[in-house]
Amino acid sequence: MKIFILIEQMRKAGNTNAGRKQILPPDEISYSAEKGYLGGPYDHMNNFFNAIRHNKKVEEDAIFGYRAAAPALLCNDSYYQNSAILWDPEKMKLVKK
């Protein structure tokens, strides 16, 4: 419950960053992958098909995907609802307020 009190206090305080110096963005941003890298979808599908061909476990199973996707989706929900959503990563469930 303390987190909700803190969030409410921050909301009431408004923009406390007024007057703070801002970090300037870099002059140029450049992204590049390693030479020969075929991309995430290739790696993902290659892992999946090799697991099927050789009767092995996939590296990223359903639990891995859920652990990655659920918090990201909850971030979106939190943004659109304009309220904090608490997530228990060990139980992989929402924490009730």
PDB file of N, CA and C in Angstrom:
ATOM      1  N   MET A   1       0.805  -1.191   0.000  1.00  0.00           N
ATOM      2  CA  MET A   1       0.000   0.000   0.000  1.00  0.00           C
ATOM      3  C   MET A   1       0.853   1.263   0.000  1.00  0.00           C
ATOM      4  N   LYS A   2       2.083   1.170   0.505  1.00  0.00           N
ATOM      5  CA  LYS A   2       2.945   2.346   0.553  1.00  0.00           C
ATOM      6  C   LYS A   2       3.231   2.887  -0.838  1.00  0.00           C
ATOM      7  N   ILE A   3       3.330   1.984  -1.823  1.00  0.00           N
ATOM      8  CA  ILE A   3       3.628   2.427  -3.187  1.00  0.00           C
ATOM      9  C   ILE A   3       2.511   3.310  -3.725  1.00  0.00           C
ATOM     10  N   PHE A   4       1.267   2.991  -3.381  1.00  0.00           N
ATOM     11  CA  PHE A   4       0.144   3.788  -3.867  1.00  0.00           C
ATOM     12  C   PHE A   4       0.142   5.175  -3.233  1.00  0.00           C
ATOM     13  N   ILE A   5       0.541   5.251  -1.977  1.00  0.00           N
ATOM     14  CA  ILE A   5       0.638   6.550  -1.304  1.00  0.00           C
ATOM     15  C   ILE A   5       1.719   7.386  -1.974  1.00  0.00           C
ATOM     16  N   LEU A   6       2.850   6.757  -2.266  1.00  0.00           N
ATOM     17  CA  LEU A   6       3.948   7.456  -2.924  1.00  0.00           C
ATOM     18  C   LEU A   6       3.532   7.941  -4.312  1.00  0.00           C
ATOM     19  N   ILE A   7       2.862   7.093  -5.060  1.00  0.00           N
ATOM     20  CA  ILE A   7       2.409   7.477  -6.403  1.00  0.00           C
ATOM     21  C   ILE A   7       1.436   8.644  -6.317  1.00  0.00           C
ATOM     22  N   GLU A   8       0.533   8.602  -5.357  1.00  0.00           N
ATOM     23  CA  GLU A   8      -0.439   9.686  -5.198  1.00  0.00           C
ATOM     24  C   GLU A   8       0.257  10.990  -4.820  1.00  0.00           C
ATOM     25  N   GLN A   9       1.268  10.911  -3.965  1.00  0.00           N
ATOM     26  CA  GLN A   9       2.020  12.108  -3.589  1.00  0.00           C
ATOM     27  C   GLN A   9       2.745  12.690  -4.795  1.00  0.00           C
ATOM     28  N   MET A  10       3.307  11.827  -5.628  1.00  0.00           N
ATOM     29  CA  MET A  10       4.003  12.289  -6.827  1.00  0.00           C
ATOM     30  C   MET A  10       3.025  12.940  -7.799  1.00  0.00           C
ATOM     31  N   ARG A  11       1.840  12.356  -7.923  1.00  0.00           N
ATOM     32  CA  ARG A  11       0.828  12.905  -8.827  1.00  0.00           C
ATOM     33  C   ARG A  11       0.388  14.295  -8.363  1.00  0.00           C
ATOM     34  N   LYS A  12       0.203  14.466  -7.049  1.00  0.00           N
ATOM     35  CA  LYS A  12      -0.212  15.758  -6.506  1.00  0.00           C
ATOM     36  C   LYS A  12       0.879  16.817  -6.656  1.00  0.00           C
ATOM     37  N   ALA A  13       2.144  16.382  -6.581  1.00  0.00           N
ATOM     38  CA  ALA A  13       3.257  17.327  -6.672  1.00  0.00           C
ATOM     39  C   ALA A  13       3.374  17.926  -8.066  1.00  0.00           C
ATOM     40  N   GLY A  14       2.872  17.234  -9.068  1.00  0.00           N
ATOM     41  CA  GLY A  14       2.944  17.746 -10.434  1.00  0.00           C
ATOM     42  C   GLY A  14       4.332  17.580 -11.015  1.00  0.00           C
ATOM     43  N   ASN A  15       4.697  18.460 -11.927  1.00  0.00           N
ATOM     44  CA  ASN A  15       5.994  18.389 -12.602  1.00  0.00           C
ATOM     45  C   ASN A  15       7.075  18.958 -11.694  1.00  0.00           C
ATOM     46  N   THR A  16       7.859  18.075 -11.106  1.00  0.00           N
ATOM     47  CA  THR A  16       8.929  18.519 -10.211  1.00  0.00           C
ATOM     48  C   THR A  16      10.244  18.680 -10.958  1.00  0.00           C
ATOM     49  N   ASN A  17      10.232  18.471 -12.272  1.00  0.00           N
ATOM     50  CA  ASN A  17      11.449  18.586 -13.069  1.00  0.00           C
ATOM     51  C   ASN A  17      11.647  19.986 -13.629  1.00  0.00           C
ATOM     52  N   ALA A  18      10.762  20.918 -13.303  1.00  0.00           N
ATOM     53  CA  ALA A  18      10.888  22.276 -13.828  1.00  0.00           C
ATOM     54  C   ALA A  18      12.215  22.875 -13.377  1.00  0.00           C
ATOM     55  N   GLY A  19      12.937  23.450 -14.300  1.00  0.00           N
ATOM     56  CA  GLY A  19      14.209  24.074 -13.979  1.00  0.00           C
ATOM     57  C   GLY A  19      15.395  23.127 -14.006  1.00  0.00           C
ATOM     58  N   ARG A  20      15.155  21.831 -14.166  1.00  0.00           N
ATOM     59  CA  ARG A  20      16.264  20.878 -14.239  1.00  0.00           C
ATOM     60  C   ARG A  20      16.920  20.945 -15.599  1.00  0.00           C
ATOM     61  N   LYS A  21      18.202  20.733 -15.627  1.00  0.00           N
ATOM     62  CA  LYS A  21      18.910  20.691 -16.900  1.00  0.00           C
ATOM     63  C   LYS A  21      18.523  19.419 -17.642  1.00  0.00           C
ATOM     64  N   GLN A  22      18.399  19.544 -18.941  1.00  0.00           N
ATOM     65  CA  GLN A  22      18.031  18.409 -19.769  1.00  0.00           C
ATOM     66  C   GLN A  22      19.272  17.850 -20.465  1.00  0.00           C
ATOM     67  N   ILE A  23      19.314  16.543 -20.623  1.00  0.00           N
ATOM     68  CA  ILE A  23      20.413  15.907 -21.343  1.00  0.00           C
ATOM     69  C   ILE A  23      20.184  16.121 -22.829  1.00  0.00           C
ATOM     70  N   LEU A  24      21.198  16.593 -23.516  1.00  0.00           N
ATOM     71  CA  LEU A  24      21.080  16.825 -24.949  1.00  0.00           C
ATOM     72  C   LEU A  24      21.175  15.500 -25.697  1.00  0.00           C
ATOM     73  N   PRO A  25      20.387  15.357 -26.748  1.00  0.00           N
ATOM     74  CA  PRO A  25      20.471  14.123 -27.533  1.00  0.00           C
ATOM     75  C   PRO A  25      21.775  14.093 -28.325  1.00  0.00           C
ATOM     76  N   PRO A  26      22.234  12.914 -28.703  1.00  0.00           N
ATOM     77  CA  PRO A  26      23.456  12.837 -29.506  1.00  0.00           C
ATOM     78  C   PRO A  26      23.231  13.459 -30.887  1.00  0.00           C
ATOM     79  N   ASP A  27      24.318  13.859 -31.530  1.00  0.00           N
ATOM     80  CA  ASP A  27      24.215  14.454 -32.862  1.00  0.00           C
ATOM     81  C   ASP A  27      23.656  13.463 -33.875  1.00  0.00           C
ATOM     82  N   GLU A  28      24.050  12.210 -33.727  1.00  0.00           N
ATOM     83  CA  GLU A  28      23.610  11.191 -34.677  1.00  0.00           C
ATOM     84  C   GLU A  28      23.421   9.870 -33.946  1.00  0.00           C
ATOM     85  N   ILE A  29      22.367   9.156 -34.300  1.00  0.00           N
ATOM     86  CA  ILE A  29      22.125   7.837 -33.731  1.00  0.00           C
ATOM     87  C   ILE A  29      22.247   6.825 -34.857  1.00  0.00           C
ATOM     88  N   SER A  30      23.060   5.823 -34.634  1.00  0.00           N
ATOM     89  CA  SER A  30      23.275   4.816 -35.666  1.00  0.00           C
ATOM     90  C   SER A  30      23.116   3.429 -35.054  1.00  0.00           C
ATOM     91  N   TYR A  31      22.290   2.615 -35.671  1.00  0.00           N
ATOM     92  CA  TYR A  31      22.086   1.243 -35.230  1.00  0.00           C
ATOM     93  C   TYR A  31      22.542   0.310 -36.339  1.00  0.00           C
ATOM     94  N   SER A  32      23.306  -0.690 -35.972  1.00  0.00           N
ATOM     95  CA  SER A  32      23.692  -1.680 -36.976  1.00  0.00           C
ATOM     96  C   SER A  32      23.899  -3.027 -36.290  1.00  0.00           C
ATOM     97  N   ALA A  33      23.546  -4.063 -37.002  1.00  0.00           N
ATOM     98  CA  ALA A  33      23.706  -5.419 -36.480  1.00  0.00           C
ATOM     99  C   ALA A  33      25.060  -5.971 -36.912  1.00  0.00           C
ATOM    100  N   GLU A  34      25.451  -7.052 -36.261  1.00  0.00           N
ATOM    101  CA  GLU A  34      26.705  -7.707 -36.630  1.00  0.00           C
ATOM    102  C   GLU A  34      26.623  -8.183 -38.075  1.00  0.00           C
ATOM    103  N   LYS A  35      27.754  -8.224 -38.723  1.00  0.00           N
ATOM    104  CA  LYS A  35      27.797  -8.692 -40.103  1.00  0.00           C
ATOM    105  C   LYS A  35      27.340 -10.153 -40.154  1.00  0.00           C
ATOM    106  N   GLY A  36      26.432 -10.439 -41.056  1.00  0.00           N
ATOM    107  CA  GLY A  36      25.926 -11.796 -41.201  1.00  0.00           C
ATOM    108  C   GLY A  36      24.707 -12.106 -40.347  1.00  0.00           C
ATOM    109  N   TYR A  37      24.305 -11.180 -39.483  1.00  0.00           N
ATOM    110  CA  TYR A  37      23.133 -11.408 -38.632  1.00  0.00           C
ATOM    111  C   TYR A  37      21.876 -11.355 -39.486  1.00  0.00           C
ATOM    112  N   LEU A  38      21.059 -12.388 -39.398  1.00  0.00           N
ATOM    113  CA  LEU A  38      19.874 -12.490 -40.246  1.00  0.00           C
ATOM    114  C   LEU A  38      18.608 -11.976 -39.575  1.00  0.00           C
ATOM    115  N   GLY A  39      18.686 -11.612 -38.312  1.00  0.00           N
ATOM    116  CA  GLY A  39      17.532 -11.021 -37.640  1.00  0.00           C
ATOM    117  C   GLY A  39      16.878 -11.947 -36.639  1.00  0.00           C
ATOM    118  N   GLY A  40      16.119 -11.331 -35.742  1.00  0.00           N
ATOM    119  CA  GLY A  40      15.432 -12.065 -34.683  1.00  0.00           C
ATOM    120  C   GLY A  40      14.452 -13.101 -35.186  1.00  0.00           C
ATOM    121  N   PRO A  41      13.610 -12.761 -36.179  1.00  0.00           N
ATOM    122  CA  PRO A  41      12.667 -13.772 -36.670  1.00  0.00           C
ATOM    123  C   PRO A  41      13.377 -15.019 -37.210  1.00  0.00           C
ATOM    124  N   TYR A  42      14.510 -14.816 -37.881  1.00  0.00           N
ATOM    125  CA  TYR A  42      15.263 -15.970 -38.388  1.00  0.00           C
ATOM    126  C   TYR A  42      15.749 -16.824 -37.224  1.00  0.00           C
ATOM    127  N   ASP A  43      16.352 -16.194 -36.216  1.00  0.00           N
ATOM    128  CA  ASP A  43      16.852 -16.940 -35.057  1.00  0.00           C
ATOM    129  C   ASP A  43      15.725 -17.694 -34.362  1.00  0.00           C
ATOM    130  N   HIS A  44      14.600 -17.023 -34.202  1.00  0.00           N
ATOM    131  CA  HIS A  44      13.459 -17.623 -33.512  1.00  0.00           C
ATOM    132  C   HIS A  44      12.942 -18.848 -34.270  1.00  0.00           C
ATOM    133  N   MET A  45      12.726 -18.691 -35.564  1.00  0.00           N
ATOM    134  CA  MET A  45      12.196 -19.801 -36.359  1.00  0.00           C
ATOM    135  C   MET A  45      13.220 -20.924 -36.495  1.00  0.00           C
ATOM    136  N   ASN A  46      14.493 -20.565 -36.633  1.00  0.00           N
ATOM    137  CA  ASN A  46      15.550 -21.571 -36.735  1.00  0.00           C
ATOM    138  C   ASN A  46      15.599 -22.415 -35.460  1.00  0.00           C
ATOM    139  N   ASN A  47      15.510 -21.758 -34.313  1.00  0.00           N
ATOM    140  CA  ASN A  47      15.493 -22.478 -33.041  1.00  0.00           C
ATOM    141  C   ASN A  47      14.287 -23.405 -32.958  1.00  0.00           C
ATOM    142  N   PHE A  48      13.133 -22.908 -33.381  1.00  0.00           N
ATOM    143  CA  PHE A  48      11.903 -23.692 -33.325  1.00  0.00           C
ATOM    144  C   PHE A  48      11.998 -24.939 -34.213  1.00  0.00           C
ATOM    145  N   PHE A  49      12.418 -24.753 -35.460  1.00  0.00           N
ATOM    146  CA  PHE A  49      12.493 -25.892 -36.380  1.00  0.00           C
ATOM    147  C   PHE A  49      13.572 -26.891 -35.968  1.00  0.00           C
ATOM    148  N   ASN A  50      14.694 -26.408 -35.463  1.00  0.00           N
ATOM    149  CA  ASN A  50      15.732 -27.332 -34.989  1.00  0.00           C
ATOM    150  C   ASN A  50      15.254 -28.139 -33.789  1.00  0.00           C
ATOM    151  N   ALA A  51      14.471 -27.525 -32.918  1.00  0.00           N
ATOM    152  CA  ALA A  51      13.925 -28.252 -31.770  1.00  0.00           C
ATOM    153  C   ALA A  51      12.997 -29.369 -32.244  1.00  0.00           C
ATOM    154  N   ILE A  52      12.199 -29.092 -33.260  1.00  0.00           N
ATOM    155  CA  ILE A  52      11.289 -30.114 -33.788  1.00  0.00           C
ATOM    156  C   ILE A  52      12.086 -31.218 -34.490  1.00  0.00           C
ATOM    157  N   ARG A  53      13.030 -30.830 -35.320  1.00  0.00           N
ATOM    158  CA  ARG A  53      13.816 -31.813 -36.080  1.00  0.00           C
ATOM    159  C   ARG A  53      14.600 -32.760 -35.181  1.00  0.00           C
ATOM    160  N   HIS A  54      15.132 -32.232 -34.088  1.00  0.00           N
ATOM    161  CA  HIS A  54      16.007 -33.030 -33.223  1.00  0.00           C
ATOM    162  C   HIS A  54      15.339 -33.420 -31.903  1.00  0.00           C
ATOM    163  N   ASN A  55      14.024 -33.235 -31.821  1.00  0.00           N
ATOM    164  CA  ASN A  55      13.242 -33.609 -30.646  1.00  0.00           C
ATOM    165  C   ASN A  55      13.830 -33.023 -29.355  1.00  0.00           C
ATOM    166  N   LYS A  56      14.099 -31.715 -29.387  1.00  0.00           N
ATOM    167  CA  LYS A  56      14.644 -31.016 -28.224  1.00  0.00           C
ATOM    168  C   LYS A  56      13.681 -29.918 -27.792  1.00  0.00           C
ATOM    169  N   LYS A  57      13.973 -29.317 -26.644  1.00  0.00           N
ATOM    170  CA  LYS A  57      13.153 -28.205 -26.165  1.00  0.00           C
ATOM    171  C   LYS A  57      13.557 -26.922 -26.887  1.00  0.00           C
ATOM    172  N   VAL A  58      12.581 -26.059 -27.114  1.00  0.00           N
ATOM    173  CA  VAL A  58      12.893 -24.754 -27.690  1.00  0.00           C
ATOM    174  C   VAL A  58      13.529 -23.878 -26.615  1.00  0.00           C
ATOM    175  N   GLU A  59      14.344 -22.927 -27.035  1.00  0.00           N
ATOM    176  CA  GLU A  59      15.005 -22.046 -26.071  1.00  0.00           C
ATOM    177  C   GLU A  59      14.010 -21.103 -25.414  1.00  0.00           C
ATOM    178  N   GLU A  60      13.101 -20.554 -26.203  1.00  0.00           N
ATOM    179  CA  GLU A  60      12.100 -19.638 -25.663  1.00  0.00           C
ATOM    180  C   GLU A  60      10.741 -20.319 -25.710  1.00  0.00           C
ATOM    181  N   ASP A  61      10.357 -20.919 -24.592  1.00  0.00           N
ATOM    182  CA  ASP A  61       9.073 -21.604 -24.542  1.00  0.00           C
ATOM    183  C   ASP A  61       7.954 -20.608 -24.223  1.00  0.00           C
ATOM    184  N   ALA A  62       6.761 -21.121 -24.011  1.00  0.00           N
ATOM    185  CA  ALA A  62       5.604 -20.262 -23.761  1.00  0.00           C
ATOM    186  C   ALA A  62       5.775 -19.428 -22.490  1.00  0.00           C
ATOM    187  N   ILE A  63       6.375 -19.999 -21.470  1.00  0.00           N
ATOM    188  CA  ILE A  63       6.593 -19.258 -20.220  1.00  0.00           C
ATOM    189  C   ILE A  63       7.536 -18.082 -20.467  1.00  0.00           C
ATOM    190  N   PHE A  64       8.579 -18.309 -21.240  1.00  0.00           N
ATOM    191  CA  PHE A  64       9.515 -17.236 -21.586  1.00  0.00           C
ATOM    192  C   PHE A  64       8.773 -16.101 -22.290  1.00  0.00           C
ATOM    193  N   GLY A  65       7.949 -16.454 -23.259  1.00  0.00           N
ATOM    194  CA  GLY A  65       7.188 -15.452 -23.998  1.00  0.00           C
ATOM    195  C   GLY A  65       6.223 -14.693 -23.105  1.00  0.00           C
ATOM    196  N   TYR A  66       5.570 -15.422 -22.204  1.00  0.00           N
ATOM    197  CA  TYR A  66       4.621 -14.783 -21.287  1.00  0.00           C
ATOM    198  C   TYR A  66       5.339 -13.816 -20.353  1.00  0.00           C
ATOM    199  N   ARG A  67       6.497 -14.235 -19.839  1.00  0.00           N
ATOM    200  CA  ARG A  67       7.267 -13.364 -18.940  1.00  0.00           C
ATOM    201  C   ARG A  67       7.738 -12.102 -19.661  1.00  0.00           C
ATOM    202  N   ALA A  68       7.976 -12.205 -20.948  1.00  0.00           N
ATOM    203  CA  ALA A  68       8.424 -11.041 -21.712  1.00  0.00           C
ATOM    204  C   ALA A  68       7.250 -10.149 -22.113  1.00  0.00           C
ATOM    205  N   ALA A  69       6.153 -10.754 -22.542  1.00  0.00           N
ATOM    206  CA  ALA A  69       5.044  -9.980 -23.102  1.00  0.00           C
ATOM    207  C   ALA A  69       4.122  -9.378 -22.048  1.00  0.00           C
ATOM    208  N   ALA A  70       3.820 -10.122 -20.998  1.00  0.00           N
ATOM    209  CA  ALA A  70       2.828  -9.656 -20.021  1.00  0.00           C
ATOM    210  C   ALA A  70       3.202  -8.313 -19.388  1.00  0.00           C
ATOM    211  N   PRO A  71       4.422  -8.138 -18.869  1.00  0.00           N
ATOM    212  CA  PRO A  71       4.746  -6.835 -18.277  1.00  0.00           C
ATOM    213  C   PRO A  71       4.714  -5.697 -19.304  1.00  0.00           C
ATOM    214  N   ALA A  72       5.130  -5.990 -20.532  1.00  0.00           N
ATOM    215  CA  ALA A  72       5.102  -4.954 -21.566  1.00  0.00           C
ATOM    216  C   ALA A  72       3.667  -4.543 -21.877  1.00  0.00           C
ATOM    217  N   LEU A  73       2.776  -5.508 -21.968  1.00  0.00           N
ATOM    218  CA  LEU A  73       1.370  -5.198 -22.221  1.00  0.00           C
ATOM    219  C   LEU A  73       0.750  -4.457 -21.042  1.00  0.00           C
ATOM    220  N   LEU A  74       1.162  -4.817 -19.832  1.00  0.00           N
ATOM    221  CA  LEU A  74       0.649  -4.120 -18.652  1.00  0.00           C
ATOM    222  C   LEU A  74       1.137  -2.673 -18.601  1.00  0.00           C
ATOM    223  N   CYS A  75       2.316  -2.420 -19.133  1.00  0.00           N
ATOM    224  CA  CYS A  75       2.797  -1.030 -19.224  1.00  0.00           C
ATOM    225  C   CYS A  75       1.846  -0.211 -20.089  1.00  0.00           C
ATOM    226  N   ASN A  76       1.425  -0.784 -21.206  1.00  0.00           N
ATOM    227  CA  ASN A  76       0.468  -0.086 -22.070  1.00  0.00           C
ATOM    228  C   ASN A  76      -0.845   0.152 -21.336  1.00  0.00           C
ATOM    229  N   ASP A  77      -1.348  -0.878 -20.658  1.00  0.00           N
ATOM    230  CA  ASP A  77      -2.597  -0.726 -19.907  1.00  0.00           C
ATOM    231  C   ASP A  77      -2.464   0.359 -18.848  1.00  0.00           C
ATOM    232  N   SER A  78      -1.345   0.363 -18.151  1.00  0.00           N
ATOM    233  CA  SER A  78      -1.106   1.359 -17.114  1.00  0.00           C
ATOM    234  C   SER A  78      -1.120   2.764 -17.705  1.00  0.00           C
ATOM    235  N   TYR A  79      -0.496   2.912 -18.854  1.00  0.00           N
ATOM    236  CA  TYR A  79      -0.457   4.214 -19.521  1.00  0.00           C
ATOM    237  C   TYR A  79      -1.862   4.681 -19.893  1.00  0.00           C
ATOM    238  N   TYR A  80      -2.632   3.814 -20.532  1.00  0.00           N
ATOM    239  CA  TYR A  80      -3.961   4.204 -20.994  1.00  0.00           C
ATOM    240  C   TYR A  80      -4.957   4.381 -19.845  1.00  0.00           C
ATOM    241  N   GLN A  81      -4.756   3.663 -18.742  1.00  0.00           N
ATOM    242  CA  GLN A  81      -5.631   3.810 -17.578  1.00  0.00           C
ATOM    243  C   GLN A  81      -5.155   4.931 -16.657  1.00  0.00           C
ATOM    244  N   ASN A  82      -3.963   5.439 -16.919  1.00  0.00           N
ATOM    245  CA  ASN A  82      -3.357   6.491 -16.103  1.00  0.00           C
ATOM    246  C   ASN A  82      -3.301   6.090 -14.630  1.00  0.00           C
ATOM    247  N   SER A  83      -2.914   4.844 -14.395  1.00  0.00           N
ATOM    248  CA  SER A  83      -2.769   4.360 -13.025  1.00  0.00           C
ATOM    249  C   SER A  83      -1.727   3.245 -12.995  1.00  0.00           C
ATOM    250  N   ALA A  84      -1.164   3.045 -11.830  1.00  0.00           N
ATOM    251  CA  ALA A  84      -0.144   2.011 -11.668  1.00  0.00           C
ATOM    252  C   ALA A  84      -0.791   0.632 -11.673  1.00  0.00           C
ATOM    253  N   ILE A  85      -0.134  -0.298 -12.321  1.00  0.00           N
ATOM    254  CA  ILE A  85      -0.554  -1.695 -12.297  1.00  0.00           C
ATOM    255  C   ILE A  85       0.617  -2.475 -11.725  1.00  0.00           C
ATOM    256  N   LEU A  86       0.365  -3.215 -10.676  1.00  0.00           N
ATOM    257  CA  LEU A  86       1.437  -3.964 -10.020  1.00  0.00           C
ATOM    258  C   LEU A  86       1.462  -5.400 -10.525  1.00  0.00           C
ATOM    259  N   TRP A  87       2.665  -5.913 -10.741  1.00  0.00           N
ATOM    260  CA  TRP A  87       2.883  -7.229 -11.334  1.00  0.00           C
ATOM    261  C   TRP A  87       3.843  -8.008 -10.458  1.00  0.00           C
ATOM    262  N   ASP A  88       3.487  -9.243 -10.133  1.00  0.00           N
ATOM    263  CA  ASP A  88       4.367 -10.126  -9.378  1.00  0.00           C
ATOM    264  C   ASP A  88       5.075 -11.037 -10.380  1.00  0.00           C
ATOM    265  N   PRO A  89       6.369 -10.811 -10.648  1.00  0.00           N
ATOM    266  CA  PRO A  89       7.058 -11.592 -11.669  1.00  0.00           C
ATOM    267  C   PRO A  89       7.275 -13.056 -11.290  1.00  0.00           C
ATOM    268  N   GLU A  90       7.299 -13.351 -10.006  1.00  0.00           N
ATOM    269  CA  GLU A  90       7.505 -14.746  -9.605  1.00  0.00           C
ATOM    270  C   GLU A  90       6.234 -15.568  -9.787  1.00  0.00           C
ATOM    271  N   LYS A  91       5.101 -15.000  -9.385  1.00  0.00           N
ATOM    272  CA  LYS A  91       3.824 -15.708  -9.535  1.00  0.00           C
ATOM    273  C   LYS A  91       3.208 -15.475 -10.908  1.00  0.00           C
ATOM    274  N   MET A  92       3.744 -14.490 -11.636  1.00  0.00           N
ATOM    275  CA  MET A  92       3.250 -14.106 -12.958  1.00  0.00           C
ATOM    276  C   MET A  92       1.765 -13.753 -12.905  1.00  0.00           C
ATOM    277  N   LYS A  93       1.420 -12.920 -11.920  1.00  0.00           N
ATOM    278  CA  LYS A  93       0.035 -12.492 -11.744  1.00  0.00           C
ATOM    279  C   LYS A  93       0.002 -11.029 -11.336  1.00  0.00           C
ATOM    280  N   LEU A  94      -1.154 -10.417 -11.556  1.00  0.00           N
ATOM    281  CA  LEU A  94      -1.363  -9.052 -11.093  1.00  0.00           C
ATOM    282  C   LEU A  94      -1.446  -9.040  -9.576  1.00  0.00           C
ATOM    283  N   VAL A  95      -0.966  -7.966  -8.981  1.00  0.00           N
ATOM    284  CA  VAL A  95      -1.079  -7.783  -7.539  1.00  0.00           C
ATOM    285  C   VAL A  95      -2.285  -6.890  -7.309  1.00  0.00           C
ATOM    286  N   LYS A  96      -3.235  -7.380  -6.530  1.00  0.00           N
ATOM    287  CA  LYS A  96      -4.445  -6.596  -6.270  1.00  0.00           C
ATOM    288  C   LYS A  96      -4.131  -5.478  -5.298  1.00  0.00           C
ATOM    289  N   LYS A  97      -4.761  -4.341  -5.531  1.00  0.00           N
ATOM    290  CA  LYS A  97      -4.538  -3.157  -4.690  1.00  0.00           C
ATOM    291  C   LYS A  97      -5.192  -3.307  -3.345  1.00  0.00           C
TER     292      LYS A  97
END
